[in-house]
C-alpha atoms as a PDB file:
ATOM      1  CA  MET A   1      32.428  30.789  -2.555  1.00  0.00           C
ATOM      2  CA  PRO A   2      32.213  28.254   0.313  1.00  0.00           C
ATOM      3  CA  VAL A   3      32.046  29.614   3.843  1.00  0.00           C
ATOM      4  CA  ASN A   4      33.512  28.017   6.973  1.00  0.00           C
ATOM      5  CA  LEU A   5      31.072  27.668   9.876  1.00  0.00           C
ATOM      6  CA  SER A   6      31.877  26.792  13.445  1.00  0.00           C
ATOM      7  CA  VAL A   7      29.454  25.489  16.051  1.00  0.00           C
ATOM      8  CA  LYS A   8      30.566  25.888  19.650  1.00  0.00           C
ATOM      9  CA  ASN A   9      29.377  24.340  22.907  1.00  0.00           C
ATOM     10  CA  VAL A  10      27.554  21.424  21.279  1.00  0.00           C
ATOM     11  CA  PRO A  11      26.278  19.095  24.018  1.00  0.00           C
ATOM     12  CA  ASP A  12      28.096  15.749  24.054  1.00  0.00           C
ATOM     13  CA  GLU A  13      24.863  13.773  23.598  1.00  0.00           C
ATOM     14  CA  LEU A  14      23.892  15.774  20.506  1.00  0.00           C
ATOM     15  CA  ALA A  15      27.376  15.517  18.997  1.00  0.00           C
ATOM     16  CA  GLU A  16      27.317  11.746  19.531  1.00  0.00           C
ATOM     17  CA  LYS A  17      23.946  11.441  17.808  1.00  0.00           C
ATOM     18  CA  VAL A  18      25.212  13.401  14.797  1.00  0.00           C
ATOM     19  CA  LYS A  19      28.319  11.193  14.636  1.00  0.00           C
ATOM     20  CA  GLU A  20      26.137   8.059  14.708  1.00  0.00           C
ATOM     21  CA  ARG A  21      23.929   9.484  11.987  1.00  0.00           C
ATOM     22  CA  ALA A  22      26.986  10.282   9.843  1.00  0.00           C
ATOM     23  CA  LYS A  23      28.212   6.715  10.285  1.00  0.00           C
ATOM     24  CA  ARG A  24      24.800   5.274   9.261  1.00  0.00           C
ATOM     25  CA  HIS A  25      24.851   7.424   6.113  1.00  0.00           C
ATOM     26  CA  HIS A  26      28.520   6.647   5.374  1.00  0.00           C
ATOM     27  CA  ARG A  27      29.481  10.313   5.586  1.00  0.00           C
ATOM     28  CA  SER A  28      32.063  12.338   7.393  1.00  0.00           C
ATOM     29  CA  LEU A  29      30.859  14.492  10.276  1.00  0.00           C
ATOM     30  CA  GLN A  30      31.256  17.549   8.039  1.00  0.00           C
ATOM     31  CA  GLY A  31      29.302  15.872   5.218  1.00  0.00           C
ATOM     32  CA  GLU A  32      26.501  14.955   7.637  1.00  0.00           C
ATOM     33  CA  MET A  33      26.300  18.511   8.988  1.00  0.00           C
ATOM     34  CA  ILE A  34      26.006  19.844   5.445  1.00  0.00           C
ATOM     35  CA  ALA A  35      23.265  17.275   4.662  1.00  0.00           C
ATOM     36  CA  ILE A  36      21.357  18.279   7.816  1.00  0.00           C
ATOM     37  CA  MET A  37      21.565  21.958   6.885  1.00  0.00           C
ATOM     38  CA  GLU A  38      20.430  21.224   3.308  1.00  0.00           C
ATOM     39  CA  GLU A  39      17.419  19.316   4.650  1.00  0.00           C
ATOM     40  CA  ALA A  40      16.577  22.172   7.001  1.00  0.00           C
ATOM     41  CA  VAL A  41      16.672  24.936   4.383  1.00  0.00           C
ATOM     42  CA  GLY A  42      15.900  22.858   1.289  1.00  0.00           C
ATOM     43  CA  PRO A  43      13.127  23.676  -1.128  1.00  0.00           C
ATOM     44  CA  GLY A  44       9.875  24.567   0.555  1.00  0.00           C
ATOM     45  CA  LYS A  45       6.629  22.683   0.092  1.00  0.00           C
ATOM     46  CA  LEU A  46       4.826  23.205  -3.169  1.00  0.00           C
ATOM     47  CA  SER A  47       1.536  25.009  -3.219  1.00  0.00           C
ATOM     48  CA  LEU A  48      -1.382  23.067  -4.696  1.00  0.00           C
ATOM     49  CA  ASP A  49      -1.335  25.312  -7.738  1.00  0.00           C
ATOM     50  CA  GLU A  50       2.375  24.715  -8.312  1.00  0.00           C
ATOM     51  CA  ALA A  51       2.018  20.964  -7.835  1.00  0.00           C
ATOM     52  CA  GLU A  52      -0.878  20.881 -10.317  1.00  0.00           C
ATOM     53  CA  ARG A  53       1.104  22.945 -12.833  1.00  0.00           C
ATOM     54  CA  ARG A  54       4.068  20.549 -12.591  1.00  0.00           C
ATOM     55  CA  LEU A  55       1.880  17.453 -12.914  1.00  0.00           C
ATOM     56  CA  ARG A  56       0.096  18.849 -15.950  1.00  0.00           C
ATOM     57  CA  GLY A  57       3.497  19.625 -17.457  1.00  0.00           C
ATOM     58  CA  LEU A  58       4.314  15.904 -17.310  1.00  0.00           C
ATOM     59  CA  ALA A  59       1.276  15.150 -19.526  1.00  0.00           C
ATOM     60  CA  PHE A  60       0.598  12.015 -17.496  1.00  0.00           C
ATOM     61  CA  GLU A  61      -2.622  10.195 -18.426  1.00  0.00           C
ATOM     62  CA  THR A  62      -4.163   7.226 -16.636  1.00  0.00           C
ATOM     63  CA  GLY A  63      -6.823   6.363 -19.168  1.00  0.00           C
ATOM     64  CA  ASN A  64      -9.914   4.328 -18.330  1.00  0.00           C
ATOM     65  CA  ASP A  65      -8.255   0.910 -17.958  1.00  0.00           C
ATOM     66  CA  SER A  66      -8.309   0.920 -14.157  1.00  0.00           C
ATOM     67  CA  THR A  67     -12.062   1.537 -14.048  1.00  0.00           C
ATOM     68  CA  ALA A  68     -12.721  -1.485 -16.256  1.00  0.00           C
ATOM     69  CA  TRP A  69     -10.370  -3.663 -14.169  1.00  0.00           C
ATOM     70  CA  VAL A  70     -12.100  -2.732 -10.933  1.00  0.00           C
ATOM     71  CA  ARG A  71     -15.509  -3.497 -12.440  1.00  0.00           C
ATOM     72  CA  GLU A  72     -14.280  -6.900 -13.648  1.00  0.00           C
ATOM     73  CA  MET A  73     -12.890  -7.709 -10.206  1.00  0.00           C
ATOM     74  CA  ARG A  74     -16.223  -6.828  -8.579  1.00  0.00           C
ATOM     75  CA  GLU A  75     -18.214  -9.177 -10.825  1.00  0.00           C
ATOM     76  CA  PRO A  76     -19.271 -12.180  -8.718  1.00  0.00           C
ATOM     77  CA  VAL A  77     -19.871 -14.459 -11.704  1.00  0.00           C
ATOM     78  CA  ALA A  78     -17.135 -16.993 -12.357  1.00  0.00           C
ATOM     79  CA  PRO A  79     -16.550 -18.758 -15.674  1.00  0.00           C
ATOM     80  CA  LYS A  80     -18.855 -21.761 -16.233  1.00  0.00           C
ATOM     81  CA  GLY A  81     -15.816 -24.047 -16.397  1.00  0.00           C
ATOM     82  CA  LEU A  82     -15.148 -23.303 -12.741  1.00  0.00           C
ATOM     83  CA  TRP A  83     -18.558 -24.662 -11.736  1.00  0.00           C
ATOM     84  CA  ALA A  84     -17.811 -27.858 -13.639  1.00  0.00           C
ATOM     85  CA  ALA A  85     -14.510 -28.183 -11.780  1.00  0.00           C
ATOM     86  CA  VAL A  86     -16.289 -27.696  -8.450  1.00  0.00           C
ATOM     87  CA  GLY A  87     -18.649 -30.526  -9.287  1.00  0.00           C
ATOM     88  CA  ALA A  88     -21.507 -30.139  -6.805  1.00  0.00           C
ATOM     89  CA  TRP A  89     -22.585 -26.842  -8.316  1.00  0.00           C
ATOM     90  CA  ALA A  90     -21.897 -27.650 -11.968  1.00  0.00           C
ATOM     91  CA  GLY A  91     -25.464 -26.897 -13.063  1.00  0.00           C
ATOM     92  CA  TYR A  92     -25.555 -23.482 -11.435  1.00  0.00           C
ATOM     93  CA  GLU A  93     -25.203 -20.405 -13.598  1.00  0.00           C
ATOM     94  CA  GLU A  94     -24.833 -17.706 -10.959  1.00  0.00           C
ATOM     95  CA  LEU A  95     -22.724 -17.367  -7.852  1.00  0.00           C
ATOM     96  CA  ASP A  96     -25.803 -16.308  -5.887  1.00  0.00           C
ATOM     97  CA  GLN A  97     -27.330 -19.750  -6.487  1.00  0.00           C
ATOM     98  CA  VAL A  98     -24.241 -21.450  -5.065  1.00  0.00           C
ATOM     99  CA  VAL A  99     -24.229 -19.222  -1.987  1.00  0.00           C
ATOM    100  CA  GLU A 100     -27.936 -19.869  -1.365  1.00  0.00           C
ATOM    101  CA  ASP A 101     -27.347 -23.619  -1.654  1.00  0.00           C
ATOM    102  CA  ILE A 102     -24.484 -23.470   0.844  1.00  0.00           C
ATOM    103  CA  TYR A 103     -26.639 -21.596   3.353  1.00  0.00           C
ATOM    104  CA  ARG A 104     -29.505 -24.071   2.824  1.00  0.00           C
ATOM    105  CA  GLN A 105     -27.176 -27.019   3.420  1.00  0.00           C
ATOM    106  CA  ARG A 106     -25.863 -25.408   6.618  1.00  0.00           C
ATOM    107  CA  GLU A 107     -29.385 -24.901   7.936  1.00  0.00           C
ATOM    108  CA  GLU A 108     -30.297 -28.506   7.153  1.00  0.00           C
ATOM    109  CA  ALA A 109     -27.158 -29.722   8.918  1.00  0.00           C
ATOM    110  CA  GLN A 110     -28.056 -27.708  12.038  1.00  0.00           C
ATOM    111  CA  ASP A 111     -31.481 -29.386  12.182  1.00  0.00           C
ATOM    112  CA  ARG A 112     -29.972 -32.878  12.257  1.00  0.00           C
ATOM    113  CA  PRO A 113     -29.235 -34.414  15.673  1.00  0.00           C
ATOM    114  CA  VAL A 114     -25.589 -34.808  16.563  1.00  0.00           C
ATOM    115  CA  VAL A 115     -24.577 -38.384  17.355  1.00  0.00           C
ATOM    116  CA  LEU A 116     -21.370 -38.859  19.294  1.00  0.00           C
ATOM    117  CA  GLU A 117     -19.667 -42.164  18.910  1.00  0.00           C
ATOM    118  CA  GLY A 118     -17.384 -43.367  21.569  1.00  0.00           C
END
């Protein structure tokens, strides 16, 4: 059976905050007070054992798909068709060769004198 509760001498600032909260949640002041009390005394935190028991009860399985996807994403080798689309590195088989060539070209460019036109 429901019980009536009364809270006396609530500071104006606190009462105003609860009213604002009730308005944000589209509740009456009474409905907001009940929601606040439910949050305060709601179900406690689960122990690790209880959480594990509940998860196992769901029979949730992830499989091995994610491991394979991560390995594929880590592979630095792109399809050969990509090298053909790039053009300059069409004959290269491995990404490492392309990276080495880029570094070599940078070094060669740094050795060249800079000519300013003006």
